[in-house]
Each structure stands twice: as structure tokens, then as C-alpha cells.
């Protein structure tokens, strides 16, 4: 994979995906397959640099991405790591990306993704358009007035990620995340508050001081994930990885906080 970048310009990069929503009888969102995952709340280059520094000296580091959706975050981080470290990034691959949606995982395993004009402009700017090829056998999809162009992910990037169906609640109970990365961004609000709390309690048991945890800025707006991490044995990491550039969108979901948290806001955490 070859990337070029103007180091005087702080790129934050990611991709968009558009999906469906599932609501309960009260109209609250309990699962969401619509999201804007353009990564504006994260400086991905700086995140890659943080991972390199944090796990320096370890021969292999597993990166776990839950709620992987269309794999936008996974591919974004893979590109950032390869840009920062070249072949040195191989110790982070393959990622383990998962979602509860079998349909989304099937599409990811087939290397399918929808990209729109801003994504394509970004890829061209980063000299990484070659990592995706337009699939002209499928029609353009127009959603919310935006044209989404079907693409296939080239093997050099596709093989950097393993995709599978998993439930983050079960994995938090059963998987040991010691010396690993746990990423679950912008999906906490689709679980009730009790489940959010239990996940952080389980993660406190199944991790160590080297484990890095990351949520999304939407989780600060729409869930108690940040507070539960800090209640249950974690401290927030203050870092310029978090850009604070995300926006809140009006919605009602099952995991909304009952009142505004008094805890400081972070998207990165580690065990105390």
C-alpha cells in the first residue's frame, strides 16, 4: 500500500455509510444501520501514532473493532497505520472487526462498500484511490440526496481485516483484551444503560493496563459509556486524537442517558 500526504495539512479521514434503523414499540432506536462514519471526531493519523508508541516492543497487537458496520473505521485505521509505519504496521494486522448484522458482515467479507464524492476526493488526495475499484455492475444508490457509488475493496486492504458476527456484550464477558485495542464507536446508545454499565464492568476484568479503549463522540451525546468507564475502574486519556469535531443529531434511542453526566468527556480510556 502506498500513500502520500502533505504533512502540513492535518487530514482526518474515514468513509460514509448509509443503513437502516430498527425501533421498538415506543419508537426508540434499538439498532441502527444508518450512520455517518466520516471520522471527523478522530484524528486517525495521531491515533495510529499513539498505537505505535503505546505498543512499542510488542511483536503482535490485536485490534478489535465492534459495531464495524460497513468497515469504514477499520479501513480508515488500516490506511493510517500503513501510512505511519509501512511494513512495521503488519504487527497490527489483521484487525478483528465484527457486527451483529450478518448482512453487513457478508458484504464486508465480499469486499463491498459504498463511497460518495467526498470519500472519493479524500482517497484521491491521499493517493489511495487504487485501494478501491468502482463496481459498475451495481447501480448507484441515492440516499438523502447523496449519490453512493458501489465499490470493491482491493485485496491489499481487504486482507488487513477479518470480519465476523459477534455481540460486544458477550465478547466483553468472555474475551481477554489484555495488550489489545478495543474500539466500539457510536453504538453504545443502541443498548440500554444496564448493558452499557455491564460491558465496562466486564472489560475491567478482561483487560490490563496496556489495553486501549476507544468510543466515539456520538457516544458522549447519546449514551453513558464515558461515565460508566470512569465509574468502573478506567481513566480517560486526554489526547489530541479527539478532535471534538463531531455533531449531535436529534434522535431518541434506547440507551440515552437520563441526565447529563458530570464526568469529564473522553473517547479514549485505560485501566487505572
C-alpha atoms as a PDB file:
ATOM      1  CA  UNK A   1       0.000   0.000   0.000  1.00  0.00           C
ATOM      2  CA  UNK A   2       1.453   3.369  -0.995  1.00  0.00           C
ATOM      3  CA  UNK A   3       0.240   6.653   0.437  1.00  0.00           C
ATOM      4  CA  UNK A   4       1.466  10.210   0.152  1.00  0.00           C
ATOM      5  CA  UNK A   5       0.452  13.092   2.385  1.00  0.00           C
ATOM      6  CA  UNK A   6       1.192  16.779   2.801  1.00  0.00           C
ATOM      7  CA  UNK A   7       2.355  16.858   6.406  1.00  0.00           C
ATOM      8  CA  UNK A   8       1.305  20.496   6.681  1.00  0.00           C
ATOM      9  CA  UNK A   9      -2.343  19.521   6.306  1.00  0.00           C
ATOM     10  CA  UNK A  10      -3.988  17.632   9.227  1.00  0.00           C
ATOM     11  CA  UNK A  11      -6.179  15.086   7.450  1.00  0.00           C
ATOM     12  CA  UNK A  12      -8.891  13.295   9.375  1.00  0.00           C
ATOM     13  CA  UNK A  13     -10.159  10.568   7.173  1.00  0.00           C
ATOM     14  CA  UNK A  14     -12.859   7.957   7.033  1.00  0.00           C
ATOM     15  CA  UNK A  15     -15.783   6.887   4.932  1.00  0.00           C
ATOM     16  CA  UNK A  16     -19.546   7.283   4.995  1.00  0.00           C
ATOM     17  CA  UNK A  17     -22.084   4.520   5.211  1.00  0.00           C
ATOM     18  CA  UNK A  18     -25.851   4.621   4.991  1.00  0.00           C
ATOM     19  CA  UNK A  19     -28.020   1.911   6.506  1.00  0.00           C
ATOM     20  CA  UNK A  20     -31.376   1.204   8.148  1.00  0.00           C
ATOM     21  CA  UNK A  21     -32.864   1.736  11.596  1.00  0.00           C
ATOM     22  CA  UNK A  22     -34.770  -0.652  13.876  1.00  0.00           C
ATOM     23  CA  UNK A  23     -37.063   0.783  16.556  1.00  0.00           C
ATOM     24  CA  UNK A  24     -39.076  -0.657  19.444  1.00  0.00           C
ATOM     25  CA  UNK A  25     -42.809  -0.174  20.065  1.00  0.00           C
ATOM     26  CA  UNK A  26     -42.141   3.249  21.614  1.00  0.00           C
ATOM     27  CA  UNK A  27     -40.220   4.428  18.589  1.00  0.00           C
ATOM     28  CA  UNK A  28     -36.845   4.305  20.320  1.00  0.00           C
ATOM     29  CA  UNK A  29     -33.917   3.168  18.201  1.00  0.00           C
ATOM     30  CA  UNK A  30     -32.635  -0.219  19.388  1.00  0.00           C
ATOM     31  CA  UNK A  31     -30.417  -0.916  16.389  1.00  0.00           C
ATOM     32  CA  UNK A  32     -29.137   1.405  13.719  1.00  0.00           C
ATOM     33  CA  UNK A  33     -27.877   0.706  10.250  1.00  0.00           C
ATOM     34  CA  UNK A  34     -27.643   4.363   9.335  1.00  0.00           C
ATOM     35  CA  UNK A  35     -24.567   6.327  10.300  1.00  0.00           C
ATOM     36  CA  UNK A  36     -22.164   8.971   9.109  1.00  0.00           C
ATOM     37  CA  UNK A  37     -18.766   7.472   9.818  1.00  0.00           C
ATOM     38  CA  UNK A  38     -16.528  10.125   8.344  1.00  0.00           C
ATOM     39  CA  UNK A  39     -14.243  10.027  11.354  1.00  0.00           C
ATOM     40  CA  UNK A  40     -14.320  13.780  11.989  1.00  0.00           C
ATOM     41  CA  UNK A  41     -14.197  13.254  15.755  1.00  0.00           C
ATOM     42  CA  UNK A  42     -10.885  11.405  15.444  1.00  0.00           C
ATOM     43  CA  UNK A  43      -7.511  12.386  14.027  1.00  0.00           C
ATOM     44  CA  UNK A  44      -6.670   8.973  12.603  1.00  0.00           C
ATOM     45  CA  UNK A  45      -3.007   9.726  11.894  1.00  0.00           C
ATOM     46  CA  UNK A  46      -2.496  10.736  15.513  1.00  0.00           C
ATOM     47  CA  UNK A  47      -4.379   7.641  16.662  1.00  0.00           C
ATOM     48  CA  UNK A  48      -2.033   5.472  14.605  1.00  0.00           C
ATOM     49  CA  UNK A  49       0.952   7.262  16.145  1.00  0.00           C
ATOM     50  CA  UNK A  50      -0.468   6.668  19.624  1.00  0.00           C
ATOM     51  CA  UNK A  51      -0.869   2.949  18.932  1.00  0.00           C
ATOM     52  CA  UNK A  52       2.690   2.716  17.679  1.00  0.00           C
ATOM     53  CA  UNK A  53       4.039   4.358  20.813  1.00  0.00           C
ATOM     54  CA  UNK A  54       1.771   2.540  23.264  1.00  0.00           C
ATOM     55  CA  UNK A  55       2.526  -0.931  21.922  1.00  0.00           C
ATOM     56  CA  UNK A  56       6.168  -0.409  21.013  1.00  0.00           C
ATOM     57  CA  UNK A  57       8.126  -3.570  21.703  1.00  0.00           C
ATOM     58  CA  UNK A  58       5.189  -5.954  21.390  1.00  0.00           C
ATOM     59  CA  UNK A  59       5.574  -8.294  18.410  1.00  0.00           C
ATOM     60  CA  UNK A  60       1.814  -8.588  17.721  1.00  0.00           C
ATOM     61  CA  UNK A  61      -1.134  -6.429  18.753  1.00  0.00           C
ATOM     62  CA  UNK A  62      -4.752  -7.345  18.153  1.00  0.00           C
ATOM     63  CA  UNK A  63      -7.147  -4.527  17.243  1.00  0.00           C
ATOM     64  CA  UNK A  64     -10.805  -5.368  17.926  1.00  0.00           C
ATOM     65  CA  UNK A  65     -13.463  -3.229  16.245  1.00  0.00           C
ATOM     66  CA  UNK A  66     -17.061  -3.826  17.342  1.00  0.00           C
ATOM     67  CA  UNK A  67     -20.089  -2.479  15.523  1.00  0.00           C
ATOM     68  CA  UNK A  68     -17.908  -2.438  12.421  1.00  0.00           C
ATOM     69  CA  UNK A  69     -20.787  -1.515  10.135  1.00  0.00           C
ATOM     70  CA  UNK A  70     -19.522  -1.289   6.538  1.00  0.00           C
ATOM     71  CA  UNK A  71     -15.884  -1.416   7.747  1.00  0.00           C
ATOM     72  CA  UNK A  72     -15.309   2.318   7.292  1.00  0.00           C
ATOM     73  CA  UNK A  73     -13.446   2.780  10.577  1.00  0.00           C
ATOM     74  CA  UNK A  74     -11.476  -0.423  10.077  1.00  0.00           C
ATOM     75  CA  UNK A  75     -10.233   0.595   6.630  1.00  0.00           C
ATOM     76  CA  UNK A  76      -9.544   4.141   7.813  1.00  0.00           C
ATOM     77  CA  UNK A  77      -7.340   2.938  10.659  1.00  0.00           C
ATOM     78  CA  UNK A  78      -5.607   0.384   8.448  1.00  0.00           C
ATOM     79  CA  UNK A  79      -4.655   3.111   5.962  1.00  0.00           C
ATOM     80  CA  UNK A  80      -3.414   5.352   8.777  1.00  0.00           C
ATOM     81  CA  UNK A  81      -1.240   2.611  10.283  1.00  0.00           C
ATOM     82  CA  UNK A  82       0.276   1.679   6.933  1.00  0.00           C
ATOM     83  CA  UNK A  83       0.981   5.338   6.233  1.00  0.00           C
ATOM     84  CA  UNK A  84       2.668   5.848   9.605  1.00  0.00           C
ATOM     85  CA  UNK A  85       4.666   2.643   9.884  1.00  0.00           C
ATOM     86  CA  UNK A  86       4.854   0.941   6.476  1.00  0.00           C
ATOM     87  CA  UNK A  87       5.730  -2.709   6.967  1.00  0.00           C
ATOM     88  CA  UNK A  88       6.016  -2.002  10.679  1.00  0.00           C
ATOM     89  CA  UNK A  89       2.222  -1.819  10.744  1.00  0.00           C
ATOM     90  CA  UNK A  90       1.973  -5.535   9.982  1.00  0.00           C
ATOM     91  CA  UNK A  91       2.047  -6.369  13.691  1.00  0.00           C
ATOM     92  CA  UNK A  92      -1.426  -4.799  13.973  1.00  0.00           C
ATOM     93  CA  UNK A  93      -2.934  -6.870  11.148  1.00  0.00           C
ATOM     94  CA  UNK A  94      -5.315  -8.432  10.621  1.00  0.00           C
ATOM     95  CA  UNK A  95      -7.867  -6.495  12.639  1.00  0.00           C
ATOM     96  CA  UNK A  96     -10.793  -8.410  14.121  1.00  0.00           C
ATOM     97  CA  UNK A  97     -13.890  -6.469  13.063  1.00  0.00           C
ATOM     98  CA  UNK A  98     -17.400  -7.579  13.946  1.00  0.00           C
ATOM     99  CA  UNK A  99     -21.024  -6.537  13.844  1.00  0.00           C
ATOM    100  CA  UNK A 100     -24.278  -8.144  14.943  1.00  0.00           C
ATOM    101  CA  UNK A 101     -25.640  -7.804  11.406  1.00  0.00           C
ATOM    102  CA  UNK A 102     -24.956 -10.884   9.279  1.00  0.00           C
ATOM    103  CA  UNK A 103     -25.854  -8.901   6.165  1.00  0.00           C
ATOM    104  CA  UNK A 104     -23.256  -6.211   6.856  1.00  0.00           C
ATOM    105  CA  UNK A 105     -20.597  -8.808   7.636  1.00  0.00           C
ATOM    106  CA  UNK A 106     -21.389 -10.697   4.427  1.00  0.00           C
ATOM    107  CA  UNK A 107     -20.921  -7.510   2.421  1.00  0.00           C
ATOM    108  CA  UNK A 108     -17.653  -6.751   4.184  1.00  0.00           C
ATOM    109  CA  UNK A 109     -16.385 -10.280   3.554  1.00  0.00           C
ATOM    110  CA  UNK A 110     -17.208  -9.810  -0.124  1.00  0.00           C
ATOM    111  CA  UNK A 111     -15.242  -6.567  -0.125  1.00  0.00           C
ATOM    112  CA  UNK A 112     -18.256  -4.384  -0.903  1.00  0.00           C
ATOM    113  CA  UNK A 113     -18.581  -0.757   0.177  1.00  0.00           C
ATOM    114  CA  UNK A 114     -20.491   2.365  -0.871  1.00  0.00           C
ATOM    115  CA  UNK A 115     -18.483   5.559  -1.340  1.00  0.00           C
ATOM    116  CA  UNK A 116     -19.685   9.038  -2.172  1.00  0.00           C
ATOM    117  CA  UNK A 117     -17.949  12.043  -3.726  1.00  0.00           C
ATOM    118  CA  UNK A 118     -16.263  13.298  -0.551  1.00  0.00           C
ATOM    119  CA  UNK A 119     -14.848   9.850   0.120  1.00  0.00           C
ATOM    120  CA  UNK A 120     -13.513   9.628  -3.414  1.00  0.00           C
ATOM    121  CA  UNK A 121     -11.984  13.104  -3.195  1.00  0.00           C
ATOM    122  CA  UNK A 122     -10.260  12.120   0.015  1.00  0.00           C
ATOM    123  CA  UNK A 123      -8.896   8.901  -1.476  1.00  0.00           C
ATOM    124  CA  UNK A 124      -7.539  10.803  -4.466  1.00  0.00           C
ATOM    125  CA  UNK A 125      -5.900  13.373  -2.206  1.00  0.00           C
ATOM    126  CA  UNK A 126      -4.263  10.575  -0.227  1.00  0.00           C
ATOM    127  CA  UNK A 127      -3.123   8.776  -3.381  1.00  0.00           C
ATOM    128  CA  UNK A 128      -5.091   5.738  -2.221  1.00  0.00           C
ATOM    129  CA  UNK A 129      -7.834   5.512  -4.836  1.00  0.00           C
ATOM    130  CA  UNK A 130      -6.184   2.309  -6.030  1.00  0.00           C
ATOM    131  CA  UNK A 131      -7.384   0.566  -2.848  1.00  0.00           C
ATOM    132  CA  UNK A 132     -10.964   0.688  -4.126  1.00  0.00           C
ATOM    133  CA  UNK A 133     -12.388  -0.068  -7.558  1.00  0.00           C
ATOM    134  CA  UNK A 134     -15.776   1.025  -8.885  1.00  0.00           C
ATOM    135  CA  UNK A 135     -18.259  -1.830  -9.336  1.00  0.00           C
ATOM    136  CA  UNK A 136     -20.192  -0.866 -12.449  1.00  0.00           C
ATOM    137  CA  UNK A 137     -22.349  -3.997 -12.254  1.00  0.00           C
ATOM    138  CA  UNK A 138     -24.316  -2.409  -9.390  1.00  0.00           C
ATOM    139  CA  UNK A 139     -26.463   0.730  -9.625  1.00  0.00           C
ATOM    140  CA  UNK A 140     -25.702   3.999  -7.884  1.00  0.00           C
ATOM    141  CA  UNK A 141     -27.751   4.359  -4.711  1.00  0.00           C
ATOM    142  CA  UNK A 142     -29.216   7.758  -3.841  1.00  0.00           C
ATOM    143  CA  UNK A 143     -29.891   8.247  -0.132  1.00  0.00           C
ATOM    144  CA  UNK A 144     -30.830  11.532   1.499  1.00  0.00           C
ATOM    145  CA  UNK A 145     -29.943  13.258  -1.734  1.00  0.00           C
ATOM    146  CA  UNK A 146     -26.411  11.827  -1.856  1.00  0.00           C
ATOM    147  CA  UNK A 147     -25.143   9.503  -4.580  1.00  0.00           C
ATOM    148  CA  UNK A 148     -23.362   6.418  -3.236  1.00  0.00           C
ATOM    149  CA  UNK A 149     -21.210   4.521  -5.714  1.00  0.00           C
ATOM    150  CA  UNK A 150     -20.698   0.767  -5.247  1.00  0.00           C
ATOM    151  CA  UNK A 151     -17.032  -0.142  -4.904  1.00  0.00           C
ATOM    152  CA  UNK A 152     -14.940  -3.206  -4.231  1.00  0.00           C
ATOM    153  CA  UNK A 153     -12.119  -3.162  -1.726  1.00  0.00           C
ATOM    154  CA  UNK A 154      -8.825  -4.345  -3.183  1.00  0.00           C
ATOM    155  CA  UNK A 155      -7.193  -7.345  -1.519  1.00  0.00           C
ATOM    156  CA  UNK A 156      -4.229  -5.367  -0.142  1.00  0.00           C
ATOM    157  CA  UNK A 157      -6.655  -3.534   2.140  1.00  0.00           C
ATOM    158  CA  UNK A 158      -9.395  -6.149   2.440  1.00  0.00           C
ATOM    159  CA  UNK A 159      -6.953  -8.750   3.791  1.00  0.00           C
ATOM    160  CA  UNK A 160      -5.976  -6.413   6.611  1.00  0.00           C
ATOM    161  CA  UNK A 161      -9.310  -7.107   8.337  1.00  0.00           C
ATOM    162  CA  UNK A 162     -11.108 -10.275   9.425  1.00  0.00           C
ATOM    163  CA  UNK A 163     -14.894  -9.897   9.622  1.00  0.00           C
ATOM    164  CA  UNK A 164     -17.289 -11.938  11.749  1.00  0.00           C
ATOM    165  CA  UNK A 165     -20.648 -11.724  13.509  1.00  0.00           C
ATOM    166  CA  UNK A 166     -20.198 -11.005  17.221  1.00  0.00           C
ATOM    167  CA  UNK A 167     -22.079  -9.335  20.051  1.00  0.00           C
ATOM    168  CA  UNK A 168     -19.915  -6.901  22.007  1.00  0.00           C
ATOM    169  CA  UNK A 169     -21.806  -7.742  25.218  1.00  0.00           C
ATOM    170  CA  UNK A 170     -20.803 -11.390  25.031  1.00  0.00           C
ATOM    171  CA  UNK A 171     -17.232 -10.650  23.937  1.00  0.00           C
ATOM    172  CA  UNK A 172     -16.715  -8.270  26.864  1.00  0.00           C
ATOM    173  CA  UNK A 173     -17.575 -11.153  29.212  1.00  0.00           C
ATOM    174  CA  UNK A 174     -15.544 -13.885  27.530  1.00  0.00           C
ATOM    175  CA  UNK A 175     -12.570 -12.389  25.676  1.00  0.00           C
ATOM    176  CA  UNK A 176      -9.307 -11.324  27.307  1.00  0.00           C
ATOM    177  CA  UNK A 177      -8.368  -7.927  25.842  1.00  0.00           C
ATOM    178  CA  UNK A 178      -5.030  -7.681  27.623  1.00  0.00           C
ATOM    179  CA  UNK A 179      -2.404  -5.910  25.458  1.00  0.00           C
ATOM    180  CA  UNK A 180      -5.066  -5.265  22.817  1.00  0.00           C
ATOM    181  CA  UNK A 181      -7.152  -2.429  21.395  1.00  0.00           C
ATOM    182  CA  UNK A 182     -10.917  -2.293  21.971  1.00  0.00           C
ATOM    183  CA  UNK A 183     -12.843   0.024  19.631  1.00  0.00           C
ATOM    184  CA  UNK A 184     -16.608   0.361  19.821  1.00  0.00           C
ATOM    185  CA  UNK A 185     -17.648   3.705  18.393  1.00  0.00           C
ATOM    186  CA  UNK A 186     -21.044   5.357  18.200  1.00  0.00           C
ATOM    187  CA  UNK A 187     -23.033   2.222  19.002  1.00  0.00           C
ATOM    188  CA  UNK A 188     -23.452   2.362  22.784  1.00  0.00           C
ATOM    189  CA  UNK A 189     -26.753   4.228  22.556  1.00  0.00           C
ATOM    190  CA  UNK A 190     -28.387   1.203  20.929  1.00  0.00           C
ATOM    191  CA  UNK A 191     -28.010  -0.748  24.185  1.00  0.00           C
ATOM    192  CA  UNK A 192     -29.859   0.035  27.401  1.00  0.00           C
ATOM    193  CA  UNK A 193     -27.982   1.708  30.247  1.00  0.00           C
ATOM    194  CA  UNK A 194     -27.722  -1.518  32.257  1.00  0.00           C
ATOM    195  CA  UNK A 195     -25.973  -3.230  29.344  1.00  0.00           C
ATOM    196  CA  UNK A 196     -23.606  -0.284  28.885  1.00  0.00           C
ATOM    197  CA  UNK A 197     -22.660  -0.425  32.544  1.00  0.00           C
ATOM    198  CA  UNK A 198     -22.178  -4.205  32.477  1.00  0.00           C
ATOM    199  CA  UNK A 199     -19.897  -4.060  29.447  1.00  0.00           C
ATOM    200  CA  UNK A 200     -17.495  -1.679  31.192  1.00  0.00           C
ATOM    201  CA  UNK A 201     -17.559  -3.838  34.334  1.00  0.00           C
ATOM    202  CA  UNK A 202     -16.710  -6.913  32.277  1.00  0.00           C
ATOM    203  CA  UNK A 203     -13.969  -5.062  30.403  1.00  0.00           C
ATOM    204  CA  UNK A 204     -12.400  -4.053  33.710  1.00  0.00           C
ATOM    205  CA  UNK A 205     -11.994  -7.764  34.470  1.00  0.00           C
ATOM    206  CA  UNK A 206     -10.904  -8.840  30.995  1.00  0.00           C
ATOM    207  CA  UNK A 207      -8.141  -6.323  30.256  1.00  0.00           C
ATOM    208  CA  UNK A 208      -4.896  -4.940  31.622  1.00  0.00           C
ATOM    209  CA  UNK A 209      -3.171  -1.567  31.922  1.00  0.00           C
ATOM    210  CA  UNK A 210      -1.858  -1.798  28.365  1.00  0.00           C
ATOM    211  CA  UNK A 211      -5.313  -2.204  26.790  1.00  0.00           C
ATOM    212  CA  UNK A 212      -6.571   0.873  24.951  1.00  0.00           C
ATOM    213  CA  UNK A 213     -10.321   1.534  24.710  1.00  0.00           C
ATOM    214  CA  UNK A 214     -12.000   3.930  22.297  1.00  0.00           C
ATOM    215  CA  UNK A 215     -15.585   5.131  21.894  1.00  0.00           C
ATOM    216  CA  UNK A 216     -16.985   7.853  19.602  1.00  0.00           C
ATOM    217  CA  UNK A 217     -18.113  11.415  20.114  1.00  0.00           C
ATOM    218  CA  UNK A 218     -21.698  10.389  19.404  1.00  0.00           C
ATOM    219  CA  UNK A 219     -21.425   8.104  22.440  1.00  0.00           C
ATOM    220  CA  UNK A 220     -20.798  11.219  24.554  1.00  0.00           C
ATOM    221  CA  UNK A 221     -24.043  12.730  23.260  1.00  0.00           C
ATOM    222  CA  UNK A 222     -26.220   9.627  23.247  1.00  0.00           C
ATOM    223  CA  UNK A 223     -25.008   7.203  25.945  1.00  0.00           C
ATOM    224  CA  UNK A 224     -23.425   6.871  29.387  1.00  0.00           C
ATOM    225  CA  UNK A 225     -20.418   4.934  28.098  1.00  0.00           C
ATOM    226  CA  UNK A 226     -17.916   7.612  29.113  1.00  0.00           C
ATOM    227  CA  UNK A 227     -19.319   7.823  32.635  1.00  0.00           C
ATOM    228  CA  UNK A 228     -19.507   4.052  33.078  1.00  0.00           C
ATOM    229  CA  UNK A 229     -15.869   3.626  32.036  1.00  0.00           C
ATOM    230  CA  UNK A 230     -14.822   6.145  34.674  1.00  0.00           C
ATOM    231  CA  UNK A 231     -17.077   4.627  37.333  1.00  0.00           C
ATOM    232  CA  UNK A 232     -15.787   1.120  36.761  1.00  0.00           C
ATOM    233  CA  UNK A 233     -12.033   1.394  37.058  1.00  0.00           C
ATOM    234  CA  UNK A 234     -10.872   3.330  33.992  1.00  0.00           C
ATOM    235  CA  UNK A 235      -9.433   6.776  33.476  1.00  0.00           C
ATOM    236  CA  UNK A 236      -9.895   8.946  30.433  1.00  0.00           C
ATOM    237  CA  UNK A 237      -6.892   9.751  28.276  1.00  0.00           C
ATOM    238  CA  UNK A 238      -6.575  13.399  27.281  1.00  0.00           C
ATOM    239  CA  UNK A 239      -5.220  13.457  23.746  1.00  0.00           C
ATOM    240  CA  UNK A 240      -5.400  15.453  20.538  1.00  0.00           C
ATOM    241  CA  UNK A 241      -6.577  12.235  18.880  1.00  0.00           C
ATOM    242  CA  UNK A 242     -10.022  13.519  19.901  1.00  0.00           C
ATOM    243  CA  UNK A 243     -10.874  16.467  17.656  1.00  0.00           C
ATOM    244  CA  UNK A 244     -14.293  17.302  19.202  1.00  0.00           C
ATOM    245  CA  UNK A 245     -15.462  17.973  15.627  1.00  0.00           C
ATOM    246  CA  UNK A 246     -18.485  15.641  15.659  1.00  0.00           C
ATOM    247  CA  UNK A 247     -22.042  16.931  15.699  1.00  0.00           C
ATOM    248  CA  UNK A 248     -25.061  15.745  17.640  1.00  0.00           C
ATOM    249  CA  UNK A 249     -28.111  14.739  15.620  1.00  0.00           C
ATOM    250  CA  UNK A 250     -31.656  14.767  17.067  1.00  0.00           C
ATOM    251  CA  UNK A 251     -32.813  11.226  17.799  1.00  0.00           C
ATOM    252  CA  UNK A 252     -34.227   9.104  20.589  1.00  0.00           C
ATOM    253  CA  UNK A 253     -32.638   5.739  21.302  1.00  0.00           C
ATOM    254  CA  UNK A 254     -32.852   3.059  23.945  1.00  0.00           C
ATOM    255  CA  UNK A 255     -29.523   3.922  25.584  1.00  0.00           C
ATOM    256  CA  UNK A 256     -29.917   7.668  26.060  1.00  0.00           C
ATOM    257  CA  UNK A 257     -28.601   8.992  29.400  1.00  0.00           C
ATOM    258  CA  UNK A 258     -31.280  10.005  31.891  1.00  0.00           C
ATOM    259  CA  UNK A 259     -29.408  13.182  32.793  1.00  0.00           C
ATOM    260  CA  UNK A 260     -26.269  14.967  31.652  1.00  0.00           C
ATOM    261  CA  UNK A 261     -23.174  13.326  33.085  1.00  0.00           C
ATOM    262  CA  UNK A 262     -20.979  15.274  35.492  1.00  0.00           C
ATOM    263  CA  UNK A 263     -17.929  13.260  34.444  1.00  0.00           C
ATOM    264  CA  UNK A 264     -15.314  14.797  32.111  1.00  0.00           C
ATOM    265  CA  UNK A 265     -15.626  13.762  28.464  1.00  0.00           C
ATOM    266  CA  UNK A 266     -13.114  11.407  26.834  1.00  0.00           C
ATOM    267  CA  UNK A 267     -13.220   8.959  23.946  1.00  0.00           C
ATOM    268  CA  UNK A 268     -10.022   7.110  24.971  1.00  0.00           C
ATOM    269  CA  UNK A 269      -9.622   5.113  28.180  1.00  0.00           C
ATOM    270  CA  UNK A 270      -7.201   2.851  30.043  1.00  0.00           C
ATOM    271  CA  UNK A 271      -7.342   0.948  33.319  1.00  0.00           C
ATOM    272  CA  UNK A 272      -6.336   2.763  36.483  1.00  0.00           C
END
